[in-house]
């Protein structure tokens, strides 16, 4: 029996379709292991990718930690270099201080030597000042004598430096020197009588007094080293001199006794 060409093609197509229909379950049955292998391969790849991502994170973290450690290391090196420079600078400073201490020690030794030689001189200066006050016209006698006495007490004090002792002695000399260029009015007892009077001092040239009732005037006689009363004509001049010294009136010319003996005593 011959099949027409059209039907033959339909049969072939149907057969092919049958074969395809039959072949699908066969391929499904025979392809189970390859699919499992494929799935396992995919799972393995996914696990490998996950492990790779985790490893990449660890690598990034280690890289960041390495950068941090490197930065800290560089900072530590910089600090170390700075400390080395600082230590070297301190060594130089300590060396200079050692030299300065050695120099000061030598100076202190010299100061001790100077102190040993200056101390006797200072005692001599105090003795000379004491004699000068004793021989000078007797103004502010108590104050000046106490100043000399204070200097003698100062010299035996261990808590006062030699320089301070010398300064105080020179200060006393300067005070005595100023007395010769100033005028002064003060009230005190008259030596020998105890009567309180007003004294007027013109430098070291003249020392006079006026009684408080302004009835009598007197002067220091350097020749006899005693007080003598003045003529009543001097009372007005002494009164005016006291006012000038106290800045109660303007400076003016006044007449004061200048005995030859007193003049010599003032120059001495």
Protein backbone atom coordinates (compact mmCIF):
# COMPACT_ATOMS: atom_id res chain seq x y z
CA UNK A 1 0.00 0.00 0.00
CA UNK A 2 1.37 3.23 -1.09
CA UNK A 3 0.90 6.32 1.04
CA UNK A 4 0.45 9.59 -0.65
CA UNK A 5 3.27 12.06 -0.19
CA UNK A 6 1.14 14.43 1.87
CA UNK A 7 0.09 11.78 4.29
CA UNK A 8 3.62 10.40 4.38
CA UNK A 9 4.83 13.78 5.60
CA UNK A 10 2.06 13.90 8.19
CA UNK A 11 2.98 10.45 9.41
CA UNK A 12 6.63 11.40 9.64
CA UNK A 13 5.66 14.53 11.57
CA UNK A 14 3.42 12.52 13.84
CA UNK A 15 6.10 9.95 14.30
CA UNK A 16 8.55 12.64 15.03
CA UNK A 17 6.17 14.14 17.51
CA UNK A 18 5.65 10.73 19.05
CA UNK A 19 9.32 10.18 19.24
CA UNK A 20 9.74 13.61 20.84
CA UNK A 21 6.91 12.91 23.22
CA UNK A 22 8.34 9.56 24.11
CA UNK A 23 11.87 10.91 24.23
CA UNK A 24 11.14 13.60 26.86
CA UNK A 25 10.48 11.20 29.67
CA UNK A 26 13.40 9.08 28.60
CA UNK A 27 15.70 12.13 28.63
CA UNK A 28 14.22 13.19 31.97
CA UNK A 29 14.78 9.72 33.36
CA UNK A 30 18.26 9.40 31.96
CA UNK A 31 19.25 13.09 32.77
CA UNK A 32 18.64 13.06 36.58
CA UNK A 33 22.32 12.74 37.55
CA UNK A 34 23.53 15.51 35.23
CA UNK A 35 20.97 17.91 36.73
CA UNK A 36 22.03 17.02 40.22
CA UNK A 37 25.64 17.49 39.18
CA UNK A 38 24.71 20.83 37.65
CA UNK A 39 22.91 21.93 40.76
CA UNK A 40 25.85 20.81 42.90
CA UNK A 41 28.18 22.71 40.61
CA UNK A 42 26.03 25.81 40.94
CA UNK A 43 25.86 25.42 44.69
CA UNK A 44 29.61 24.88 44.82
CA UNK A 45 30.13 28.02 42.74
CA UNK A 46 27.79 30.00 45.00
CA UNK A 47 29.63 28.77 48.08
CA UNK A 48 32.94 29.60 46.45
CA UNK A 49 31.63 33.06 45.58
CA UNK A 50 30.42 33.54 49.18
CA UNK A 51 33.78 32.40 50.48
CA UNK A 52 35.50 34.70 48.00
CA UNK A 53 33.39 37.65 49.17
CA UNK A 54 34.17 36.85 52.80
CA UNK A 55 37.85 36.51 51.94
CA UNK A 56 37.71 39.85 50.11
CA UNK A 57 36.18 41.49 53.18
CA UNK A 58 38.95 40.03 55.32
CA UNK A 59 41.52 41.27 52.83
CA UNK A 60 40.03 44.78 52.89
CA UNK A 61 39.94 44.72 56.71
CA UNK A 62 43.55 43.51 56.90
CA UNK A 63 44.53 46.19 54.40
CA UNK A 64 42.88 48.89 56.52
CA UNK A 65 44.52 47.54 59.68
CA UNK A 66 47.86 47.46 57.87
CA UNK A 67 47.43 51.10 56.81
CA UNK A 68 46.51 52.04 60.38
CA UNK A 69 49.53 50.19 61.80
CA UNK A 70 51.75 51.84 59.21
CA UNK A 71 50.44 55.29 60.08
CA UNK A 72 50.93 54.63 63.79
CA UNK A 73 54.41 53.33 63.09
CA UNK A 74 55.28 56.47 61.11
CA UNK A 75 53.90 58.67 63.90
CA UNK A 76 55.92 56.72 66.46
CA UNK A 77 59.06 57.20 64.36
CA UNK A 78 58.37 60.93 64.10
CA UNK A 79 57.86 61.18 67.88
CA UNK A 80 61.04 59.19 68.45
CA UNK A 81 62.99 61.57 66.22
CA UNK A 82 61.49 64.56 68.04
CA UNK A 83 62.36 63.07 71.44
CA UNK A 84 65.91 62.43 70.30
CA UNK A 85 66.25 66.06 69.23
CA UNK A 86 64.70 67.20 72.54
CA UNK A 87 67.06 64.98 74.54
CA UNK A 88 70.03 66.35 72.63
CA UNK A 89 68.85 69.88 73.35
CA UNK A 90 68.49 69.03 77.03
CA UNK A 91 72.00 67.59 77.05
CA UNK A 92 73.30 70.88 75.66
CA UNK A 93 71.32 72.85 78.27
CA UNK A 94 72.59 70.65 81.10
CA UNK A 95 76.12 71.05 79.83
CA UNK A 96 75.77 74.85 79.83
CA UNK A 97 74.24 74.71 83.32
CA UNK A 98 77.13 72.62 84.55
CA UNK A 99 79.54 75.23 83.19
CA UNK A 100 77.50 78.02 84.81
CA UNK A 101 77.44 76.17 88.14
CA UNK A 102 81.19 75.69 87.99
CA UNK A 103 81.64 79.39 87.23
CA UNK A 104 79.30 80.43 90.06
CA UNK A 105 81.10 78.09 92.44
CA UNK A 106 84.35 79.80 91.56
CA UNK A 107 82.75 83.19 92.08
CA UNK A 108 81.36 82.09 95.45
CA UNK A 109 84.84 81.07 96.49
CA UNK A 110 86.04 84.52 95.48
CA UNK A 111 83.12 86.11 97.35
CA UNK A 112 84.15 84.26 100.50
CA UNK A 113 87.66 85.58 100.09
CA UNK A 114 86.36 89.11 99.51
CA UNK A 115 84.04 88.80 102.51
CA UNK A 116 86.94 87.81 104.73
CA UNK A 117 88.89 90.86 103.58
CA UNK A 118 85.94 93.29 103.54
CA UNK A 119 84.57 92.47 106.99
CA UNK A 120 87.48 94.06 108.90
CA UNK A 121 87.18 97.11 106.65
CA UNK A 122 83.48 97.44 107.50
CA UNK A 123 84.26 97.38 111.22
CA UNK A 124 86.80 100.14 110.62
CA UNK A 125 84.21 102.16 108.69
CA UNK A 126 81.74 101.88 111.59
CA UNK A 127 84.41 102.96 114.09
CA UNK A 128 85.27 105.94 111.89
CA UNK A 129 81.60 106.90 111.60
CA UNK A 130 81.21 106.63 115.38
CA UNK A 131 84.19 108.96 115.96
CA UNK A 132 82.89 111.38 113.33
CA UNK A 133 79.48 111.61 115.00
CA UNK A 134 81.13 112.11 118.38
CA UNK A 135 83.33 114.96 117.12
CA UNK A 136 80.67 116.57 114.91
CA UNK A 137 78.27 119.27 116.08
CA UNK A 138 75.75 117.55 118.36
CA UNK A 139 72.59 117.60 116.27
CA UNK A 140 70.20 114.63 116.42
CA UNK A 141 72.70 113.06 118.78
CA UNK A 142 70.45 110.21 119.93
CA UNK A 143 69.29 109.28 116.42
CA UNK A 144 72.79 109.26 114.98
CA UNK A 145 74.22 107.28 117.90
CA UNK A 146 71.46 104.68 117.55
CA UNK A 147 72.24 104.36 113.84
CA UNK A 148 75.86 103.53 114.63
CA UNK A 149 74.76 101.10 117.34
CA UNK A 150 72.40 99.35 114.91
CA UNK A 151 75.30 98.89 112.46
CA UNK A 152 77.40 97.23 115.16
CA UNK A 153 74.54 94.83 115.95
CA UNK A 154 74.09 94.14 112.24
CA UNK A 155 77.72 93.10 111.80
CA UNK A 156 77.39 90.14 114.19
CA UNK A 157 74.23 88.74 112.61
CA UNK A 158 74.76 85.55 110.62
CA UNK A 159 71.46 85.83 108.74
CA UNK A 160 72.52 89.04 106.97
CA UNK A 161 74.73 88.87 103.89
CA UNK A 162 78.00 90.74 103.61
CA UNK A 163 76.60 92.80 100.75
CA UNK A 164 73.61 93.90 102.84
CA UNK A 165 75.87 94.88 105.73
CA UNK A 166 78.04 96.92 103.38
CA UNK A 167 74.96 98.55 101.85
CA UNK A 168 73.67 99.62 105.26
CA UNK A 169 77.03 101.12 106.21
CA UNK A 170 77.20 103.08 102.96
CA UNK A 171 73.62 104.25 103.53
CA UNK A 172 74.63 105.63 106.94
CA UNK A 173 77.55 107.48 105.35
CA UNK A 174 75.23 108.97 102.72
CA UNK A 175 72.84 110.19 105.42
CA UNK A 176 75.71 111.88 107.23
CA UNK A 177 76.85 113.42 103.97
CA UNK A 178 73.37 114.84 103.30
CA UNK A 179 73.38 116.61 106.66
CA UNK A 180 76.08 118.94 105.34
CA UNK A 181 73.85 120.20 102.49
CA UNK A 182 70.50 120.70 104.23
CA UNK A 183 68.84 122.84 106.87
CA UNK A 184 66.68 121.32 109.54
CA UNK A 185 64.44 122.32 112.42
CA UNK A 186 63.58 119.90 115.21
CA UNK A 187 62.57 119.94 118.87
CA UNK A 188 64.57 118.09 121.51
CA UNK A 189 66.03 118.48 125.02
CA UNK A 190 69.04 120.77 125.32
CA UNK A 191 72.03 118.65 126.36
CA UNK A 192 73.25 119.48 129.84
CA UNK A 193 70.06 121.23 130.99
CA UNK A 194 67.24 118.97 129.83
CA UNK A 195 65.21 121.99 128.72
CA UNK A 196 63.17 121.33 125.56
CA UNK A 197 64.08 123.82 122.83
CA UNK A 198 63.78 124.25 119.07
CA UNK A 199 67.04 123.51 117.24
CA UNK A 200 68.01 124.99 113.87
CA UNK A 201 70.81 123.43 111.87
CA UNK A 202 72.41 125.00 108.80
CA UNK A 203 74.36 122.15 107.26
CA UNK A 204 77.33 121.65 109.51
CA UNK A 205 78.13 125.36 109.65
CA UNK A 206 75.87 126.43 112.47
CA UNK A 207 73.69 124.82 115.12
CA UNK A 208 71.55 127.17 117.20
CA UNK A 209 68.50 126.86 119.43
CA UNK A 210 65.55 128.96 120.55
CA UNK A 211 63.66 128.53 123.78
CA UNK A 212 60.02 127.58 123.42
CA UNK A 213 58.91 130.98 124.77
CA UNK A 214 61.24 132.58 122.17
CA UNK A 215 62.97 134.64 124.85
CA UNK A 216 66.44 133.14 124.58
CA UNK A 217 68.70 131.84 121.83
CA UNK A 218 71.96 129.92 121.98
CA UNK A 219 74.57 128.32 119.71
CA UNK A 220 77.05 125.46 119.75
CA UNK A 221 80.63 126.62 120.18
CA UNK A 222 82.86 124.08 118.45
CA UNK A 223 85.98 125.55 120.07
CA UNK A 224 84.84 124.99 123.65
CA UNK A 225 82.46 122.20 122.62
CA UNK A 226 79.74 123.74 124.74
CA UNK A 227 76.52 125.68 124.36
CA UNK A 228 76.59 129.44 124.76
CA UNK A 229 73.76 131.93 124.87
CA UNK A 230 73.46 134.50 122.08
CA UNK A 231 72.64 138.16 122.25
CA UNK A 232 68.94 138.93 122.22
CA UNK A 233 69.38 140.45 118.75
CA UNK A 234 69.73 136.93 117.28
CA UNK A 235 66.35 135.76 118.57
CA UNK A 236 64.44 137.20 115.62
CA UNK A 237 66.87 135.67 113.06
CA UNK A 238 66.76 132.26 114.72
CA UNK A 239 62.96 132.42 114.78
CA UNK A 240 62.86 133.24 111.07
CA UNK A 241 65.39 130.49 110.33
CA UNK A 242 63.15 127.97 112.07
CA UNK A 243 60.17 129.09 109.99
CA UNK A 244 62.20 128.83 106.79
CA UNK A 245 63.35 125.30 107.69
CA UNK A 246 59.73 124.33 108.38
CA UNK A 247 58.64 125.92 105.07
CA UNK A 248 56.37 128.32 106.90
CA UNK A 249 57.86 131.38 105.18
CA UNK A 250 59.84 131.94 102.01
CA UNK A 251 63.64 131.64 102.12
CA UNK A 252 65.34 134.88 103.14
CA UNK A 253 68.67 136.17 104.42
CA UNK A 254 69.19 135.81 108.16
CA UNK A 255 72.09 136.57 110.47
CA UNK A 256 73.58 133.68 112.46
CA UNK A 257 76.68 133.55 114.64
CA UNK A 258 79.71 132.04 112.92
CA UNK A 259 82.54 132.05 115.44
CA UNK A 260 85.94 131.24 114.00
CA UNK A 261 86.23 128.25 116.22
CA UNK A 262 82.79 127.02 115.17
CA UNK A 263 83.72 127.50 111.52
CA UNK A 264 86.81 125.38 111.89
CA UNK A 265 84.87 122.75 113.74
CA UNK A 266 82.25 122.68 110.96
CA UNK A 267 84.91 122.16 108.31
CA UNK A 268 86.47 119.37 110.27
